[in-house]
Amino acid sequence: MKKVILDVDTGIDDALALVYALHSPELEVLGITTCFGNHTVEQTTKNTLKVLELLNRTDIPVAKGAREPVFRRNDKGPSSFHGSDGLACAPLPEPKTEPLNEHAADFIVRMVRTYPHEVTLIPVGPLTNLALAVMKDPSIARLVKNVTLMGGAVFHPGNYTPVAEANIYADPEAAELVFRSGMPVTMVGLDVTMKTLLPRSVLDEWRKIGTPLGRFLTHITEFYMDAYLKFYPSIGGCALHDPLAVGAVIDPSFVKTERLYVQVDTEGEISKGRTVADLRPGHPEPNVDVCTEVDAERFLRHFLDRMSRPGS
């Protein structure tokens, strides 16, 4: 089993990623850390606890993290794609469990030091918690097995600005710090996530499951697909951004990568948050494995099989 920590800003696709990860026996989820992003960190933490209680996985520790970017004020508000509470106002009870009395960055440092060279981090929101962890203890950079993040775009347009993907835009300085940290980074960006499309027909399949989880998945995904219609009217469903990052850890053969030098624009008035790759061969030294291709059909089959497993 692969030891992982998911770092989330739990909105709809984060929730799908959590279910996918916790239904995958290949992964040992050491804990979940939360961040601002799709909503405030207070709300994303509450959403995370709700999902874990729905899955009867209150054994998984949750550590609340950053409320704001590392070095600047947050100018990215809650995302309309996820509804007013981040989970499409799904009818879930208020959580009975509480997060740890430990900041997410401290939890990451503690787990990486407890399991050196074994922990894969899967950040699917802003990279603030991970940047804070490296700032607290730079030595963890050489102890992390891998960072497989959902964020960025090299050959695809942005989804928050014309050139910037939302997670990177939310805290570009944090992303630049992570990319320069020396940690092995795999970037699962819009170049591949916009090719992994969940069709609307899956909603009928999830309705037939007839369980609380099936109803929850149907509710949030239908809302998400409706939001996609406004911006991508021809897509016929929604992209599986955060779940693909989880899938790339479960089975790296779902994606093909190209090793490139990637830098984050932190200052451009128009280009802030853009992940810029130097495509010149051999210069400078590559620092990121950028996902450029995905076996979307095989990944989608795997994802759907895990989401609707018996007893869900």
Protein backbone atom coordinates (compact mmCIF):
# COMPACT_ATOMS: atom_id res chain seq x y z
CA MET A 1 0.00 0.00 0.00
CA LYS A 2 1.12 3.51 -0.79
CA LYS A 3 1.12 5.93 2.13
CA VAL A 4 -0.58 9.18 1.09
CA ILE A 5 -1.81 12.47 2.52
CA LEU A 6 -4.53 14.28 0.60
CA ASP A 7 -4.44 18.06 0.84
CA VAL A 8 -7.87 19.37 -0.13
CA ASP A 9 -10.05 22.46 -0.39
CA THR A 10 -13.13 20.30 -0.34
CA GLY A 11 -15.56 21.22 -3.02
CA ILE A 12 -17.26 18.78 -5.36
CA ASP A 13 -14.33 17.26 -7.23
CA ASP A 14 -12.33 17.07 -3.98
CA ALA A 15 -15.20 15.04 -2.51
CA LEU A 16 -15.12 12.73 -5.54
CA ALA A 17 -11.35 12.37 -5.07
CA LEU A 18 -11.77 11.53 -1.37
CA VAL A 19 -14.32 8.80 -2.11
CA TYR A 20 -12.09 7.42 -4.88
CA ALA A 21 -9.01 7.37 -2.64
CA LEU A 22 -10.79 5.80 0.34
CA HIS A 23 -12.32 3.12 -1.88
CA SER A 24 -8.90 2.18 -3.30
CA PRO A 25 -7.05 -0.56 -1.39
CA GLU A 26 -3.76 0.48 -3.01
CA LEU A 27 -3.70 3.58 -0.80
CA GLU A 28 -3.15 3.99 2.93
CA VAL A 29 -4.53 7.44 3.70
CA LEU A 30 -2.49 8.70 6.65
CA GLY A 31 -4.58 11.83 6.96
CA ILE A 32 -6.27 14.69 5.17
CA THR A 33 -5.18 18.31 5.38
CA THR A 34 -7.44 21.21 4.44
CA CYS A 35 -6.91 24.61 2.89
CA PHE A 36 -8.81 27.64 1.64
CA GLY A 37 -9.66 27.53 -2.04
CA ASN A 38 -13.08 26.43 -3.22
CA HIS A 39 -14.36 27.99 0.02
CA THR A 40 -12.97 29.20 3.35
CA VAL A 41 -10.79 26.74 5.23
CA GLU A 42 -13.45 26.53 7.95
CA GLN A 43 -16.00 25.38 5.37
CA THR A 44 -13.65 23.07 3.47
CA THR A 45 -12.70 21.41 6.76
CA LYS A 46 -16.36 20.95 7.67
CA ASN A 47 -17.03 19.52 4.21
CA THR A 48 -14.16 17.07 4.60
CA LEU A 49 -15.46 15.84 7.93
CA LYS A 50 -18.94 15.42 6.46
CA VAL A 51 -17.62 13.26 3.63
CA LEU A 52 -15.57 11.11 6.01
CA GLU A 53 -18.58 10.57 8.27
CA LEU A 54 -20.70 9.61 5.26
CA LEU A 55 -18.05 7.02 4.38
CA ASN A 56 -17.77 5.83 8.01
CA ARG A 57 -14.08 6.73 7.94
CA THR A 58 -13.77 8.87 11.05
CA ASP A 59 -10.54 6.99 11.76
CA ILE A 60 -8.81 9.25 9.20
CA PRO A 61 -7.31 12.33 10.94
CA VAL A 62 -8.10 15.75 9.50
CA ALA A 63 -5.79 18.74 10.07
CA LYS A 64 -7.02 22.22 9.26
CA GLY A 65 -4.53 24.43 7.47
CA ALA A 66 -4.08 27.75 5.72
CA ARG A 67 -6.76 30.42 5.64
CA GLU A 68 -4.85 32.68 3.23
CA PRO A 69 -1.97 32.56 0.73
CA VAL A 70 1.56 32.63 2.09
CA PHE A 71 2.56 36.15 1.09
CA ARG A 72 -0.50 37.99 -0.22
CA ARG A 73 -4.16 38.59 0.45
CA ASN A 74 -6.54 36.12 -1.12
CA ASP A 75 -8.26 37.68 -4.14
CA LYS A 76 -9.89 34.43 -5.23
CA GLY A 77 -13.27 34.01 -3.59
CA PRO A 78 -15.40 30.85 -3.22
CA SER A 79 -16.04 29.06 -6.51
CA SER A 80 -19.55 29.17 -7.95
CA PHE A 81 -18.87 25.75 -9.49
CA HIS A 82 -19.35 24.17 -6.05
CA GLY A 83 -22.39 25.95 -4.65
CA SER A 84 -22.72 28.28 -1.68
CA ASP A 85 -21.26 25.76 0.81
CA GLY A 86 -18.78 24.02 -1.50
CA LEU A 87 -20.83 20.80 -1.71
CA ALA A 88 -23.88 21.98 -3.67
CA CYS A 89 -25.81 22.26 -0.38
CA ALA A 90 -26.00 18.47 -0.21
CA PRO A 91 -28.29 17.32 2.63
CA LEU A 92 -25.57 15.98 4.92
CA PRO A 93 -25.74 16.34 8.71
CA GLU A 94 -23.38 18.64 10.55
CA PRO A 95 -20.19 16.73 11.41
CA LYS A 96 -19.85 15.25 14.88
CA THR A 97 -16.09 14.88 14.61
CA GLU A 98 -13.46 17.60 14.96
CA PRO A 99 -10.15 18.26 13.21
CA LEU A 100 -6.89 17.65 15.00
CA ASN A 101 -5.47 20.31 17.27
CA GLU A 102 -2.52 20.53 14.88
CA HIS A 103 -1.93 22.74 11.86
CA ALA A 104 -1.89 20.99 8.50
CA ALA A 105 1.72 22.01 7.83
CA ASP A 106 2.85 20.51 11.13
CA PHE A 107 0.92 17.32 10.38
CA ILE A 108 2.63 17.02 6.99
CA VAL A 109 6.08 17.51 8.55
CA ARG A 110 5.32 14.97 11.29
CA MET A 111 4.09 12.29 8.86
CA VAL A 112 6.96 12.76 6.41
CA ARG A 113 9.47 12.49 9.26
CA THR A 114 7.68 9.44 10.69
CA TYR A 115 7.71 7.67 7.30
CA PRO A 116 10.78 9.00 5.43
CA HIS A 117 10.77 8.32 1.66
CA GLU A 118 7.34 6.63 1.93
CA VAL A 119 4.77 9.45 1.86
CA THR A 120 3.19 10.68 -1.35
CA LEU A 121 1.43 14.03 -0.99
CA ILE A 122 -1.64 14.63 -3.16
CA PRO A 123 -2.49 18.34 -3.04
CA VAL A 124 -5.63 19.10 -5.05
CA GLY A 125 -6.10 22.72 -3.94
CA PRO A 126 -3.76 25.67 -3.44
CA LEU A 127 -0.25 24.58 -2.44
CA THR A 128 -0.15 26.77 0.65
CA ASN A 129 -0.02 24.01 3.28
CA LEU A 130 2.81 22.25 1.51
CA ALA A 131 4.77 25.48 1.09
CA LEU A 132 4.32 26.24 4.80
CA ALA A 133 5.53 22.73 5.67
CA VAL A 134 8.71 23.24 3.62
CA MET A 135 9.26 26.66 5.19
CA LYS A 136 8.93 25.12 8.66
CA ASP A 137 11.27 22.23 7.87
CA PRO A 138 13.13 22.46 4.54
CA SER A 139 14.69 19.03 5.11
CA ILE A 140 11.39 17.28 4.36
CA ALA A 141 11.95 18.07 0.68
CA ARG A 142 14.41 15.18 0.48
CA LEU A 143 12.19 12.88 2.58
CA VAL A 144 8.97 13.11 0.55
CA LYS A 145 8.46 10.23 -1.87
CA ASN A 146 6.48 12.31 -4.35
CA VAL A 147 4.13 15.27 -4.68
CA THR A 148 1.39 14.51 -7.19
CA LEU A 149 -0.59 17.72 -7.47
CA MET A 150 -3.66 18.80 -9.37
CA GLY A 151 -2.83 22.18 -10.79
CA GLY A 152 -1.34 24.17 -13.58
CA ALA A 153 -1.46 24.02 -17.35
CA VAL A 154 1.37 24.07 -19.86
CA PHE A 155 -0.24 23.39 -23.24
CA HIS A 156 -3.88 24.11 -22.27
CA PRO A 157 -5.57 27.46 -21.49
CA GLY A 158 -6.26 28.35 -17.88
CA ASN A 159 -9.59 27.87 -16.17
CA TYR A 160 -9.45 30.86 -13.81
CA THR A 161 -7.77 33.35 -16.12
CA PRO A 162 -6.93 32.81 -19.79
CA VAL A 163 -3.52 31.45 -18.75
CA ALA A 164 -3.80 30.37 -15.09
CA GLU A 165 -5.33 27.30 -13.49
CA ALA A 166 -7.34 28.02 -10.33
CA ASN A 167 -5.26 26.17 -7.72
CA ILE A 168 -2.00 27.75 -8.83
CA TYR A 169 -3.60 31.19 -9.19
CA ALA A 170 -4.90 31.00 -5.60
CA ASP A 171 -1.34 31.07 -4.22
CA PRO A 172 1.30 31.38 -6.95
CA GLU A 173 4.14 32.04 -4.50
CA ALA A 174 3.37 28.77 -2.70
CA ALA A 175 3.37 26.89 -5.99
CA GLU A 176 6.68 28.44 -7.04
CA LEU A 177 8.20 27.52 -3.68
CA VAL A 178 7.05 23.91 -4.04
CA PHE A 179 8.35 23.64 -7.60
CA ARG A 180 11.75 24.99 -6.51
CA SER A 181 11.94 22.96 -3.28
CA GLY A 182 13.69 19.92 -4.73
CA MET A 183 10.78 17.61 -3.98
CA PRO A 184 9.87 15.20 -6.78
CA VAL A 185 6.77 16.81 -8.30
CA THR A 186 4.26 15.37 -10.75
CA MET A 187 1.91 17.98 -12.19
CA VAL A 188 -1.53 16.68 -13.12
CA GLY A 189 -2.79 19.79 -14.85
CA LEU A 190 -5.49 20.89 -17.25
CA ASP A 191 -3.47 19.37 -20.08
CA VAL A 192 -4.83 15.99 -18.98
CA THR A 193 -7.72 16.65 -16.58
CA MET A 194 -9.76 18.36 -19.30
CA LYS A 195 -9.53 15.10 -21.25
CA THR A 196 -10.96 12.99 -18.39
CA LEU A 197 -14.64 13.72 -18.75
CA LEU A 198 -17.41 12.18 -16.66
CA PRO A 199 -20.53 11.81 -18.84
CA ARG A 200 -23.96 12.88 -17.61
CA SER A 201 -25.24 9.34 -18.13
CA VAL A 202 -23.39 8.26 -14.97
CA LEU A 203 -25.95 10.14 -12.86
CA ASP A 204 -28.60 7.52 -13.62
CA GLU A 205 -26.19 4.75 -12.61
CA TRP A 206 -25.45 6.43 -9.27
CA ARG A 207 -29.15 7.03 -8.61
CA LYS A 208 -29.75 3.29 -8.95
CA ILE A 209 -27.25 2.53 -6.17
CA GLY A 210 -29.90 3.73 -3.72
CA THR A 211 -27.52 4.32 -0.80
CA PRO A 212 -26.78 7.58 1.03
CA LEU A 213 -23.44 7.74 -0.79
CA GLY A 214 -25.09 7.11 -4.16
CA ARG A 215 -27.57 9.92 -3.53
CA PHE A 216 -24.77 12.25 -2.40
CA LEU A 217 -22.65 11.54 -5.47
CA THR A 218 -25.63 12.11 -7.75
CA HIS A 219 -26.56 15.38 -6.04
CA ILE A 220 -23.13 17.01 -6.09
CA THR A 221 -22.15 15.77 -9.55
CA GLU A 222 -25.38 16.91 -11.16
CA PHE A 223 -24.82 20.40 -9.71
CA TYR A 224 -21.21 20.35 -10.96
CA MET A 225 -22.27 19.29 -14.45
CA ASP A 226 -24.88 22.04 -14.57
CA ALA A 227 -22.17 24.55 -13.64
CA TYR A 228 -20.00 23.21 -16.47
CA LEU A 229 -22.81 23.82 -18.95
CA LYS A 230 -22.46 27.57 -18.45
CA PHE A 231 -18.77 27.63 -19.37
CA TYR A 232 -18.29 24.47 -21.45
CA PRO A 233 -21.68 23.88 -23.12
CA SER A 234 -20.42 21.12 -25.42
CA ILE A 235 -18.62 19.05 -22.78
CA GLY A 236 -21.58 16.80 -21.91
CA GLY A 237 -20.63 16.32 -18.27
CA CYS A 238 -17.68 17.49 -16.17
CA ALA A 239 -13.93 17.09 -15.88
CA LEU A 240 -12.42 14.87 -13.18
CA HIS A 241 -9.64 17.19 -12.08
CA ASP A 242 -8.88 16.09 -8.51
CA PRO A 243 -9.74 12.39 -9.00
CA LEU A 244 -7.15 12.12 -11.78
CA ALA A 245 -4.39 13.16 -9.36
CA VAL A 246 -5.47 10.32 -7.09
CA GLY A 247 -5.63 7.96 -10.06
CA ALA A 248 -2.11 8.89 -11.13
CA VAL A 249 -0.85 7.76 -7.71
CA ILE A 250 -2.87 4.53 -7.72
CA ASP A 251 -1.69 3.63 -11.23
CA PRO A 252 0.95 5.91 -12.77
CA SER A 253 0.39 4.25 -16.16
CA PHE A 254 -2.87 6.19 -16.51
CA VAL A 255 -0.73 9.18 -17.57
CA LYS A 256 2.36 9.90 -19.60
CA THR A 257 4.73 12.61 -18.40
CA GLU A 258 7.40 14.85 -19.81
CA ARG A 259 10.18 16.10 -17.57
CA LEU A 260 10.34 19.89 -17.88
CA TYR A 261 11.50 22.97 -16.06
CA VAL A 262 8.38 24.74 -14.80
CA GLN A 263 8.23 28.17 -13.20
CA VAL A 264 5.20 30.01 -11.81
CA ASP A 265 4.56 33.62 -12.79
CA THR A 266 4.01 35.41 -9.48
CA GLU A 267 4.12 39.02 -10.64
CA GLY A 268 2.49 39.47 -14.04
CA GLU A 269 -0.60 41.67 -13.96
CA ILE A 270 -2.26 39.51 -16.62
CA SER A 271 -0.23 36.32 -16.35
CA LYS A 272 -0.16 35.79 -12.55
CA GLY A 273 -0.42 32.10 -11.71
CA ARG A 274 0.63 30.84 -15.11
CA THR A 275 2.80 27.70 -15.06
CA VAL A 276 5.47 28.39 -17.65
CA ALA A 277 7.52 25.50 -19.01
CA ASP A 278 10.89 25.98 -20.63
CA LEU A 279 10.65 23.71 -23.67
CA ARG A 280 14.29 24.11 -24.70
CA PRO A 281 16.03 20.71 -24.43
CA GLY A 282 18.55 20.42 -21.62
CA HIS A 283 18.25 23.92 -20.20
CA PRO A 284 17.59 24.62 -17.45
CA GLU A 285 17.52 21.49 -15.27
CA PRO A 286 13.98 20.00 -15.30
CA ASN A 287 12.12 20.10 -11.99
CA VAL A 288 8.61 18.75 -12.71
CA ASP A 289 7.12 15.68 -14.37
CA VAL A 290 4.33 17.29 -16.38
CA CYS A 291 1.44 15.02 -17.38
CA THR A 292 0.90 15.47 -21.11
CA GLU A 293 -1.23 12.45 -22.04
CA VAL A 294 -3.87 10.37 -20.28
CA ASP A 295 -5.57 7.05 -20.98
CA ALA A 296 -8.90 8.66 -20.24
CA GLU A 297 -11.09 5.68 -21.07
CA ARG A 298 -9.18 3.27 -18.82
CA PHE A 299 -8.98 5.80 -15.99
CA LEU A 300 -12.72 6.51 -16.20
CA ARG A 301 -13.55 2.79 -16.00
CA HIS A 302 -11.34 2.44 -12.94
CA PHE A 303 -12.80 5.53 -11.27
CA LEU A 304 -16.39 4.44 -11.83
CA ASP A 305 -15.68 0.92 -10.61
CA ARG A 306 -14.25 2.26 -7.33
CA MET A 307 -17.02 4.82 -6.81
CA SER A 308 -19.82 2.28 -7.11
CA ARG A 309 -18.21 -0.62 -5.29
CA PRO A 310 -20.58 -2.94 -3.38
CA GLY A 311 -21.66 -1.59 -0.01
CA SER A 312 -21.12 2.04 -1.02
